[in-house]
């Protein structure tokens, strides 16, 4: 069943129940009010009649002619009266009373002997019911007469019938109008959902450029539309990255395979010396090492994306780590006649995984050495501000173009200058660096100019115990220095 129909049926059912309950309560309350008004009028009339009989001296004997002459109001059109003897026989009856024998009921007689009044109904075939009140007249402690005042319930019944007719006619009309309005409003409310469905169908066909028009109101549909558009943005970005990743991965893996295949085919064309085969095998081994490194880094990134890489959260003396990495980077730089200089350092403690941080900075230093020119320098500096440690690695090499700086952390992305400068590298190192920095709650900034070099600045949050650890390590260093001088 369509959602629009379900909403309309639910709304119509709820409204029908509300209307029925309201109409029932209205009918019952109205009927009770009208009948109470009739009873109140009968009681007032009966009390007035009894009081007049007592005050004007008609008791103990009542003369009908004298009574009717002095009280013509007793012959009112809407009411009639009867006066019964203690035995229940009719003594006097009003002239406007229809020709019906209306004896005093046994219950009314019994109640009259107790000195109480009684309200009751009387019914004749094919006529509206009558409402009666029987009031005893006590004279000198004895029951002298029973006066009974009655009226027809015809007007009350007509009023209730008209009310019932109005309710029976108006409820279906109101329900039909409400259902039509509910159907229309449900259609308007669900129209954006239909648009989302159509867009999803087009997207399922491969068109990821589809976007929904965001309504002006920030209601549930507006939030759903924004969420859907954001989801499509992420999907489009993900698919684009996946296509780029597949293309780059294929290229990076195809190149060494092509080299290996070409060298192997060339070596097998004719018999060669042992040294020639050895050179081919060494070249193949180098390409195999490169593919192995690519696969290992891809496996690491895949596990990182799935949250399977465990990160330790330990206090790490960052200055000691940087000093150690400086020594390793100096050895890397000697092979290309590049000097690695530690410009500044400060006692710093961060919270993180030492192995991953070592991999992060070693990767940055390796890139700085790799893309520097022979005879150049690579500068390292460690400084701190109020909340972060800042580690900058600066080279004076080929640099990165402005338009490429936003993409250098994409997987397999390498600029043309980088590929021309060195064939080594997989294009995954900076992606791993970005993941490590993000996992530690830090960020990285890049400043570079083509032909002048690049500066990568890593900012990591300081550990909560940074101040205490820094002070303790300063004391240890001063003690060690004193011992060496002695």
Protein backbone atom coordinates (compact mmCIF):
# COMPACT_ATOMS: atom_id res chain seq x y z
CA UNK A 1 0.00 0.00 0.00
CA UNK A 2 1.48 3.41 -0.92
CA UNK A 3 2.60 5.60 1.97
CA UNK A 4 0.30 8.39 0.80
CA UNK A 5 -2.73 6.10 1.02
CA UNK A 6 -1.64 4.75 4.41
CA UNK A 7 -1.23 8.26 5.81
CA UNK A 8 -4.66 9.26 4.49
CA UNK A 9 -6.32 6.15 5.94
CA UNK A 10 -4.62 6.59 9.31
CA UNK A 11 -5.61 10.23 9.40
CA UNK A 12 -9.18 9.46 8.29
CA UNK A 13 -9.58 6.68 10.86
CA UNK A 14 -8.31 8.87 13.67
CA UNK A 15 -10.55 11.74 12.59
CA UNK A 16 -13.59 9.44 12.29
CA UNK A 17 -13.04 8.14 15.84
CA UNK A 18 -12.66 11.69 17.14
CA UNK A 19 -15.84 12.86 15.39
CA UNK A 20 -17.85 9.86 16.60
CA UNK A 21 -16.70 10.28 20.19
CA UNK A 22 -17.30 14.04 20.09
CA UNK A 23 -20.76 13.62 18.54
CA UNK A 24 -21.74 10.97 21.06
CA UNK A 25 -20.66 13.15 23.96
CA UNK A 26 -22.44 16.17 22.45
CA UNK A 27 -25.67 14.21 21.96
CA UNK A 28 -25.63 12.73 25.46
CA UNK A 29 -24.83 16.05 27.13
CA UNK A 30 -27.50 17.89 25.11
CA UNK A 31 -30.14 15.25 25.88
CA UNK A 32 -29.27 15.34 29.56
CA UNK A 33 -29.40 19.15 29.63
CA UNK A 34 -32.80 19.31 27.89
CA UNK A 35 -34.30 16.66 30.18
CA UNK A 36 -32.88 18.35 33.25
CA UNK A 37 -34.45 21.61 32.08
CA UNK A 38 -37.84 19.85 31.70
CA UNK A 39 -37.53 18.30 35.17
CA UNK A 40 -36.60 21.63 36.68
CA UNK A 41 -39.58 23.31 35.04
CA UNK A 42 -41.94 20.57 36.29
CA UNK A 43 -40.62 20.87 39.84
CA UNK A 44 -41.03 24.65 39.85
CA UNK A 45 -44.57 24.38 38.50
CA UNK A 46 -45.56 21.71 41.03
CA UNK A 47 -44.07 23.64 43.94
CA UNK A 48 -45.84 26.82 42.86
CA UNK A 49 -49.16 24.97 42.60
CA UNK A 50 -48.85 23.37 46.04
CA UNK A 51 -47.78 26.67 47.61
CA UNK A 52 -50.73 28.51 46.05
CA UNK A 53 -53.21 25.90 47.28
CA UNK A 54 -51.87 26.17 50.78
CA UNK A 55 -51.70 29.97 50.87
CA UNK A 56 -55.13 30.72 49.34
CA UNK A 57 -57.16 28.38 51.47
CA UNK A 58 -58.16 25.68 49.02
CA UNK A 59 -57.34 23.00 51.52
CA UNK A 60 -58.59 20.68 52.79
CA UNK A 61 -61.39 20.65 50.15
CA UNK A 62 -60.64 21.70 46.59
CA UNK A 63 -63.40 23.18 44.40
CA UNK A 64 -62.51 22.62 40.74
CA UNK A 65 -64.47 25.56 39.33
CA UNK A 66 -63.08 28.01 41.86
CA UNK A 67 -59.60 26.63 41.37
CA UNK A 68 -59.73 27.05 37.57
CA UNK A 69 -61.20 30.52 37.78
CA UNK A 70 -58.50 31.81 40.08
CA UNK A 71 -55.62 29.92 38.42
CA UNK A 72 -56.15 29.98 34.65
CA UNK A 73 -52.38 29.40 34.25
CA UNK A 74 -52.99 25.80 35.35
CA UNK A 75 -54.35 25.22 31.87
CA UNK A 76 -51.05 26.05 30.14
CA UNK A 77 -50.58 24.51 26.75
CA UNK A 78 -47.21 22.91 27.46
CA UNK A 79 -48.20 21.38 30.82
CA UNK A 80 -51.13 19.58 32.35
CA UNK A 81 -51.99 18.57 35.91
CA UNK A 82 -53.99 16.03 37.83
CA UNK A 83 -54.97 15.93 41.48
CA UNK A 84 -55.41 12.49 43.06
CA UNK A 85 -56.96 11.46 46.29
CA UNK A 86 -54.91 9.41 48.78
CA UNK A 87 -56.44 6.30 47.28
CA UNK A 88 -55.13 7.20 43.83
CA UNK A 89 -58.40 8.23 42.18
CA UNK A 90 -58.54 11.33 40.02
CA UNK A 91 -60.16 14.32 41.72
CA UNK A 92 -59.34 17.14 39.35
CA UNK A 93 -57.62 17.22 35.94
CA UNK A 94 -56.67 20.18 33.74
CA UNK A 95 -58.81 20.90 30.66
CA UNK A 96 -55.82 20.76 28.25
CA UNK A 97 -55.19 17.14 29.07
CA UNK A 98 -55.82 14.73 26.22
CA UNK A 99 -58.47 12.11 26.51
CA UNK A 100 -56.19 9.50 28.00
CA UNK A 101 -56.69 7.61 31.15
CA UNK A 102 -53.54 8.37 33.08
CA UNK A 103 -53.88 6.69 36.45
CA UNK A 104 -51.45 7.31 39.25
CA UNK A 105 -48.71 4.69 39.16
CA UNK A 106 -48.31 2.39 42.10
CA UNK A 107 -44.77 3.58 42.64
CA UNK A 108 -45.88 7.24 42.73
CA UNK A 109 -48.59 6.39 45.29
CA UNK A 110 -46.14 4.51 47.51
CA UNK A 111 -43.61 7.31 47.31
CA UNK A 112 -46.29 9.92 48.09
CA UNK A 113 -47.11 8.18 51.39
CA UNK A 114 -43.49 8.64 52.38
CA UNK A 115 -43.79 12.40 51.76
CA UNK A 116 -41.41 12.43 48.78
CA UNK A 117 -41.92 13.47 45.18
CA UNK A 118 -41.31 11.25 42.13
CA UNK A 119 -40.24 11.97 38.53
CA UNK A 120 -41.19 9.35 35.94
CA UNK A 121 -42.00 8.75 32.28
CA UNK A 122 -45.32 7.69 30.76
CA UNK A 123 -45.68 6.39 27.22
CA UNK A 124 -48.67 6.00 24.94
CA UNK A 125 -48.52 4.23 21.57
CA UNK A 126 -47.63 6.46 18.61
CA UNK A 127 -47.17 9.47 20.86
CA UNK A 128 -44.11 11.12 22.34
CA UNK A 129 -43.32 10.15 25.94
CA UNK A 130 -44.62 12.23 28.83
CA UNK A 131 -42.59 13.43 31.77
CA UNK A 132 -44.49 13.44 35.08
CA UNK A 133 -43.81 14.68 38.60
CA UNK A 134 -45.97 13.56 41.51
CA UNK A 135 -45.89 15.75 44.64
CA UNK A 136 -47.76 14.81 47.87
CA UNK A 137 -49.84 17.47 49.70
CA UNK A 138 -49.57 16.88 53.44
CA UNK A 139 -52.23 18.47 55.63
CA UNK A 140 -51.87 18.26 59.40
CA UNK A 141 -49.53 15.30 59.07
CA UNK A 142 -51.70 13.29 56.73
CA UNK A 143 -51.64 12.75 52.97
CA UNK A 144 -54.48 14.86 51.65
CA UNK A 145 -53.90 14.98 47.87
CA UNK A 146 -51.31 14.06 45.28
CA UNK A 147 -50.77 16.67 42.61
CA UNK A 148 -49.22 15.45 39.38
CA UNK A 149 -47.81 17.85 36.78
CA UNK A 150 -46.74 16.57 33.38
CA UNK A 151 -45.54 17.73 30.02
CA UNK A 152 -44.89 16.22 26.62
CA UNK A 153 -41.30 15.45 25.60
CA UNK A 154 -42.18 16.10 21.98
CA UNK A 155 -40.11 19.29 21.69
CA UNK A 156 -37.16 17.62 23.38
CA UNK A 157 -37.40 14.62 21.10
CA UNK A 158 -37.64 16.84 18.04
CA UNK A 159 -34.60 18.83 19.13
CA UNK A 160 -32.60 15.66 19.74
CA UNK A 161 -33.71 14.19 16.42
CA UNK A 162 -32.66 17.32 14.57
CA UNK A 163 -29.30 17.26 16.36
CA UNK A 164 -28.85 13.58 15.49
CA UNK A 165 -29.72 14.30 11.85
CA UNK A 166 -27.22 17.15 11.72
CA UNK A 167 -24.50 14.95 13.21
CA UNK A 168 -25.26 12.02 10.88
CA UNK A 169 -25.07 14.31 7.85
CA UNK A 170 -22.17 16.51 8.91
CA UNK A 171 -19.83 13.74 10.10
CA UNK A 172 -19.57 11.98 6.69
CA UNK A 173 -19.25 15.34 4.92
CA UNK A 174 -16.54 16.53 7.30
CA UNK A 175 -14.78 13.17 7.03
CA UNK A 176 -14.90 13.23 3.22
CA UNK A 177 -13.58 16.80 3.08
CA UNK A 178 -10.85 15.95 5.59
CA UNK A 179 -9.84 12.81 3.68
CA UNK A 180 -9.62 14.80 0.46
CA UNK A 181 -7.54 17.46 2.21
CA UNK A 182 -5.39 14.80 3.84
CA UNK A 183 -4.83 13.11 0.48
CA UNK A 184 -3.83 16.44 -1.06
CA UNK A 185 -1.55 17.45 1.84
CA UNK A 186 0.06 14.01 1.98
CA UNK A 187 0.78 14.28 -1.73
CA UNK A 188 2.39 17.70 -1.26
CA UNK A 189 4.38 16.50 1.74
CA UNK A 190 5.61 13.37 -0.05
CA UNK A 191 6.40 15.12 -3.33
CA UNK A 192 10.05 15.68 -2.28
CA UNK A 193 10.24 11.99 -1.39
CA UNK A 194 9.14 11.15 -4.94
CA UNK A 195 11.86 13.49 -6.22
CA UNK A 196 14.39 11.69 -4.02
CA UNK A 197 13.19 8.34 -5.37
CA UNK A 198 13.55 9.49 -8.99
CA UNK A 199 17.01 10.93 -8.27
CA UNK A 200 18.02 7.67 -6.58
CA UNK A 201 16.86 5.74 -9.64
CA UNK A 202 18.91 7.97 -11.93
CA UNK A 203 21.88 7.62 -9.60
CA UNK A 204 21.45 3.83 -9.65
CA UNK A 205 21.80 4.14 -13.42
CA UNK A 206 25.21 5.75 -12.96
CA UNK A 207 24.41 9.48 -13.00
CA UNK A 208 26.09 10.80 -9.84
CA UNK A 209 25.68 14.44 -10.87
CA UNK A 210 22.03 14.46 -9.79
CA UNK A 211 21.13 16.82 -6.93
CA UNK A 212 17.83 17.72 -5.30
CA UNK A 213 16.47 21.24 -5.01
CA UNK A 214 16.64 22.16 -1.34
CA UNK A 215 13.35 23.68 -0.08
CA UNK A 216 13.42 27.04 1.65
CA UNK A 217 12.01 25.66 4.91
CA UNK A 218 14.35 23.84 7.24
CA UNK A 219 11.83 21.11 8.10
CA UNK A 220 12.23 17.32 8.05
CA UNK A 221 12.03 17.22 4.24
CA UNK A 222 14.62 20.00 3.99
CA UNK A 223 16.99 18.13 6.29
CA UNK A 224 16.37 14.90 4.36
CA UNK A 225 17.15 16.69 1.09
CA UNK A 226 20.37 18.17 2.47
CA UNK A 227 21.39 14.79 3.86
CA UNK A 228 20.66 13.11 0.54
CA UNK A 229 22.67 15.71 -1.39
CA UNK A 230 25.58 15.35 1.07
CA UNK A 231 25.44 11.59 0.66
CA UNK A 232 25.53 11.90 -3.13
CA UNK A 233 28.47 14.33 -2.85
CA UNK A 234 30.38 11.80 -0.80
CA UNK A 235 29.42 8.97 -3.15
CA UNK A 236 30.51 10.97 -6.18
CA UNK A 237 33.80 11.83 -4.49
CA UNK A 238 34.31 8.22 -3.43
CA UNK A 239 33.58 6.85 -6.90
CA UNK A 240 35.86 9.43 -8.46
CA UNK A 241 38.62 8.53 -6.01
CA UNK A 242 38.05 4.84 -6.62
CA UNK A 243 38.30 5.31 -10.39
CA UNK A 244 41.40 7.44 -9.96
CA UNK A 245 42.82 4.96 -7.49
CA UNK A 246 42.20 2.03 -9.83
CA UNK A 247 43.80 3.89 -12.71
CA UNK A 248 46.83 4.95 -10.65
CA UNK A 249 47.24 1.52 -9.04
CA UNK A 250 47.08 -0.14 -12.44
CA UNK A 251 49.67 2.28 -13.78
CA UNK A 252 52.01 1.87 -10.81
CA UNK A 253 51.82 -1.92 -10.94
CA UNK A 254 51.89 -2.19 -14.72
CA UNK A 255 55.13 -0.23 -15.04
CA UNK A 256 57.35 -2.64 -13.09
CA UNK A 257 55.64 -5.63 -14.69
CA UNK A 258 56.31 -4.16 -18.13
CA UNK A 259 59.95 -3.57 -17.23
CA UNK A 260 60.33 -7.10 -15.87
CA UNK A 261 58.65 -8.66 -18.89
CA UNK A 262 60.71 -6.62 -21.38
CA UNK A 263 64.06 -7.36 -19.71
CA UNK A 264 63.22 -11.05 -19.32
CA UNK A 265 62.14 -11.39 -22.98
CA UNK A 266 65.27 -9.58 -24.09
CA UNK A 267 67.47 -11.87 -22.02
CA UNK A 268 65.80 -14.98 -23.46
CA UNK A 269 66.15 -14.07 -27.11
CA UNK A 270 69.62 -15.54 -27.31
CA UNK A 271 72.15 -17.14 -25.00
CA UNK A 272 74.01 -14.60 -22.84
CA UNK A 273 76.80 -14.39 -20.34
CA UNK A 274 76.18 -15.13 -16.68
CA UNK A 275 76.71 -11.48 -15.75
CA UNK A 276 73.94 -10.42 -18.17
CA UNK A 277 71.47 -12.81 -16.54
CA UNK A 278 72.59 -11.54 -13.16
CA UNK A 279 71.85 -7.94 -14.17
CA UNK A 280 68.39 -8.94 -15.39
CA UNK A 281 67.63 -10.77 -12.16
CA UNK A 282 68.84 -7.83 -10.07
CA UNK A 283 66.63 -5.47 -12.06
CA UNK A 284 63.67 -7.80 -11.68
CA UNK A 285 64.31 -8.06 -7.95
CA UNK A 286 64.33 -4.27 -7.69
CA UNK A 287 60.98 -4.08 -9.46
CA UNK A 288 59.59 -6.87 -7.29
CA UNK A 289 60.68 -4.95 -4.19
CA UNK A 290 58.86 -1.90 -5.52
CA UNK A 291 55.65 -3.86 -6.17
CA UNK A 292 55.93 -5.47 -2.74
CA UNK A 293 56.22 -2.03 -1.15
CA UNK A 294 53.16 -0.84 -3.09
CA UNK A 295 51.12 -3.86 -2.02
CA UNK A 296 52.23 -3.51 1.63
CA UNK A 297 51.28 0.17 1.69
CA UNK A 298 47.97 -0.54 0.00
CA UNK A 299 47.24 -3.26 2.55
CA UNK A 300 48.08 -0.86 5.37
CA UNK A 301 45.77 1.86 4.00
CA UNK A 302 43.00 -0.67 3.45
CA UNK A 303 43.27 -1.90 7.03
CA UNK A 304 43.38 1.70 8.23
CA UNK A 305 40.19 2.52 6.33
CA UNK A 306 38.44 -0.42 8.00
CA UNK A 307 39.70 0.58 11.46
CA UNK A 308 41.84 -2.52 11.90
CA UNK A 309 45.11 -0.69 12.61
CA UNK A 310 45.63 -0.42 16.36
CA UNK A 311 47.01 2.87 17.66
CA UNK A 312 48.76 3.13 21.01
CA UNK A 313 48.18 6.17 23.22
CA UNK A 314 51.40 6.63 25.15
CA UNK A 315 53.44 9.63 26.28
CA UNK A 316 56.10 10.16 23.61
CA UNK A 317 59.10 12.53 24.09
CA UNK A 318 58.89 14.10 20.67
CA UNK A 319 62.21 15.96 20.89
CA UNK A 320 64.08 12.70 21.53
CA UNK A 321 62.29 11.07 18.62
CA UNK A 322 63.17 13.95 16.27
CA UNK A 323 66.83 13.86 17.33
CA UNK A 324 66.97 10.14 16.62
CA UNK A 325 65.32 10.59 13.22
CA UNK A 326 67.78 13.41 12.43
CA UNK A 327 70.64 10.97 12.75
CA UNK A 328 68.94 8.47 10.44
CA UNK A 329 68.06 11.15 7.89
CA UNK A 330 71.69 12.37 7.93
CA UNK A 331 72.77 8.93 6.77
CA UNK A 332 70.15 9.03 3.99
CA UNK A 333 71.37 12.45 2.89
CA UNK A 334 75.03 11.40 2.65
CA UNK A 335 74.21 9.15 -0.33
CA UNK A 336 72.98 12.18 -2.35
CA UNK A 337 75.34 14.78 -0.86
CA UNK A 338 72.50 16.43 1.06
CA UNK A 339 72.99 17.80 4.54
CA UNK A 340 70.18 17.32 7.10
CA UNK A 341 70.26 20.02 9.80
CA UNK A 342 68.32 20.13 13.08
CA UNK A 343 67.70 23.86 13.43
CA UNK A 344 65.67 23.97 16.65
CA UNK A 345 64.26 21.65 19.25
CA UNK A 346 62.37 21.98 22.52
CA UNK A 347 61.38 19.50 25.22
CA UNK A 348 58.01 18.23 24.02
CA UNK A 349 55.69 15.40 25.03
CA UNK A 350 52.79 14.20 22.90
CA UNK A 351 50.27 11.40 23.29
CA UNK A 352 50.44 8.83 20.51
CA UNK A 353 52.00 5.79 18.89
CA UNK A 354 55.77 6.05 18.67
CA UNK A 355 56.08 3.59 15.79
CA UNK A 356 53.54 5.49 13.66
CA UNK A 357 55.05 8.88 14.51
CA UNK A 358 58.48 7.58 13.56
CA UNK A 359 57.05 6.34 10.25
CA UNK A 360 55.39 9.74 9.69
CA UNK A 361 58.49 11.91 10.14
CA UNK A 362 60.83 9.44 8.46
CA UNK A 363 58.58 9.49 5.40
CA UNK A 364 58.62 13.29 5.32
CA UNK A 365 62.42 13.36 5.73
CA UNK A 366 62.87 10.72 3.05
CA UNK A 367 60.76 12.78 0.62
CA UNK A 368 62.68 15.94 1.50
CA UNK A 369 66.00 14.22 0.76
CA UNK A 370 64.64 12.49 -2.34
CA UNK A 371 63.37 15.69 -3.99
CA UNK A 372 66.30 17.91 -3.02
CA UNK A 373 69.13 18.77 -5.38
CA UNK A 374 72.63 17.43 -4.74
CA UNK A 375 74.55 19.67 -2.37
CA UNK A 376 71.38 21.08 -0.83
CA UNK A 377 70.14 21.02 2.77
CA UNK A 378 67.10 19.77 4.62
CA UNK A 379 66.10 21.67 7.76
CA UNK A 380 64.24 20.22 10.75
CA UNK A 381 62.70 22.35 13.51
CA UNK A 382 60.64 21.46 16.58
CA UNK A 383 58.79 24.26 18.36
CA UNK A 384 55.80 24.43 20.68
CA UNK A 385 52.96 26.86 21.28
CA UNK A 386 50.27 26.77 23.95
CA UNK A 387 48.50 23.65 22.74
CA UNK A 388 50.50 22.08 19.88
CA UNK A 389 53.92 20.86 18.93
CA UNK A 390 55.05 22.04 15.48
CA UNK A 391 57.52 19.97 13.50
CA UNK A 392 58.62 21.48 10.18
CA UNK A 393 60.66 19.75 7.47
CA UNK A 394 62.03 22.12 4.83
CA UNK A 395 63.86 21.23 1.65
CA UNK A 396 65.23 23.43 -1.14
CA UNK A 397 64.40 21.12 -4.00
CA UNK A 398 62.00 20.99 -6.93
CA UNK A 399 58.94 22.32 -5.07
CA UNK A 400 55.24 21.70 -5.70
CA UNK A 401 52.96 23.75 -7.94
CA UNK A 402 50.08 25.56 -6.22
CA UNK A 403 47.41 23.62 -8.10
CA UNK A 404 48.98 20.30 -7.05
CA UNK A 405 49.29 21.01 -3.33
CA UNK A 406 45.69 20.03 -2.57
CA UNK A 407 46.13 16.61 -4.24
CA UNK A 408 49.52 15.46 -3.02
CA UNK A 409 47.86 13.49 -0.18
CA UNK A 410 45.70 11.52 -2.61
CA UNK A 411 46.71 7.93 -3.09
CA UNK A 412 49.10 7.29 -5.98
CA UNK A 413 49.19 10.95 -6.90
CA UNK A 414 52.61 12.15 -8.04
CA UNK A 415 53.34 15.36 -9.90
CA UNK A 416 55.06 15.29 -13.26
CA UNK A 417 58.12 17.01 -11.73
CA UNK A 418 58.30 14.34 -9.05
CA UNK A 419 58.14 11.53 -11.59
CA UNK A 420 60.82 13.19 -13.73
CA UNK A 421 63.06 13.84 -10.74
CA UNK A 422 63.06 10.28 -9.43
CA UNK A 423 61.43 7.03 -10.43
CA UNK A 424 61.42 5.81 -6.87
CA UNK A 425 58.26 6.24 -4.85
CA UNK A 426 54.78 4.82 -4.89
CA UNK A 427 52.61 7.88 -4.37
CA UNK A 428 51.25 6.39 -1.12
CA UNK A 429 53.66 7.80 1.44
CA UNK A 430 51.89 11.12 1.98
CA UNK A 431 48.52 9.34 2.16
CA UNK A 432 49.87 7.25 5.03
CA UNK A 433 51.29 10.40 6.65
CA UNK A 434 47.90 12.13 6.44
CA UNK A 435 46.18 9.15 8.06
CA UNK A 436 48.71 9.01 10.91
CA UNK A 437 48.35 12.75 11.58
CA UNK A 438 44.55 12.51 11.54
CA UNK A 439 44.64 9.54 13.91
CA UNK A 440 46.67 11.63 16.38
CA UNK A 441 44.24 14.55 16.19
CA UNK A 442 46.72 16.81 14.38
CA UNK A 443 46.96 18.51 11.02
CA UNK A 444 49.56 19.19 8.34
CA UNK A 445 50.26 22.31 6.29
CA UNK A 446 52.24 22.66 3.07
CA UNK A 447 54.05 25.72 1.75
CA UNK A 448 55.89 25.33 -1.52
CA UNK A 449 57.07 27.11 -4.65
CA UNK A 450 58.22 25.43 -7.81
CA UNK A 451 62.01 25.43 -8.01
CA UNK A 452 62.46 26.85 -4.47
CA UNK A 453 61.51 23.96 -2.21
CA UNK A 454 58.79 22.89 0.17
CA UNK A 455 57.98 23.08 3.88
CA UNK A 456 55.77 20.46 5.52
CA UNK A 457 54.59 21.49 9.01
CA UNK A 458 53.01 18.87 11.28
CA UNK A 459 51.01 20.10 14.30
CA UNK A 460 50.29 17.59 17.06
CA UNK A 461 48.39 18.29 20.29
CA UNK A 462 50.54 18.37 23.41
CA UNK A 463 50.02 15.72 26.05
CA UNK A 464 48.24 16.87 29.24
CA UNK A 465 51.39 16.09 31.26
CA UNK A 466 53.64 18.04 28.88
CA UNK A 467 54.75 20.66 31.36
CA UNK A 468 55.71 18.19 34.10
CA UNK A 469 57.46 15.82 31.68
CA UNK A 470 59.38 18.66 30.07
CA UNK A 471 60.58 19.90 33.43
CA UNK A 472 61.72 16.43 34.53
CA UNK A 473 63.58 15.85 31.29
CA UNK A 474 65.35 19.21 31.55
CA UNK A 475 66.60 18.21 35.01
CA UNK A 476 67.79 14.84 33.70
CA UNK A 477 69.68 16.51 30.84
CA UNK A 478 71.39 18.97 33.14
CA UNK A 479 72.41 16.17 35.50
CA UNK A 480 73.79 14.13 32.62
CA UNK A 481 75.73 17.10 31.31
CA UNK A 482 77.23 17.72 34.76
CA UNK A 483 78.28 14.08 35.03
CA UNK A 484 80.02 14.14 31.64
CA UNK A 485 81.90 17.33 32.46
CA UNK A 486 83.07 15.83 35.77
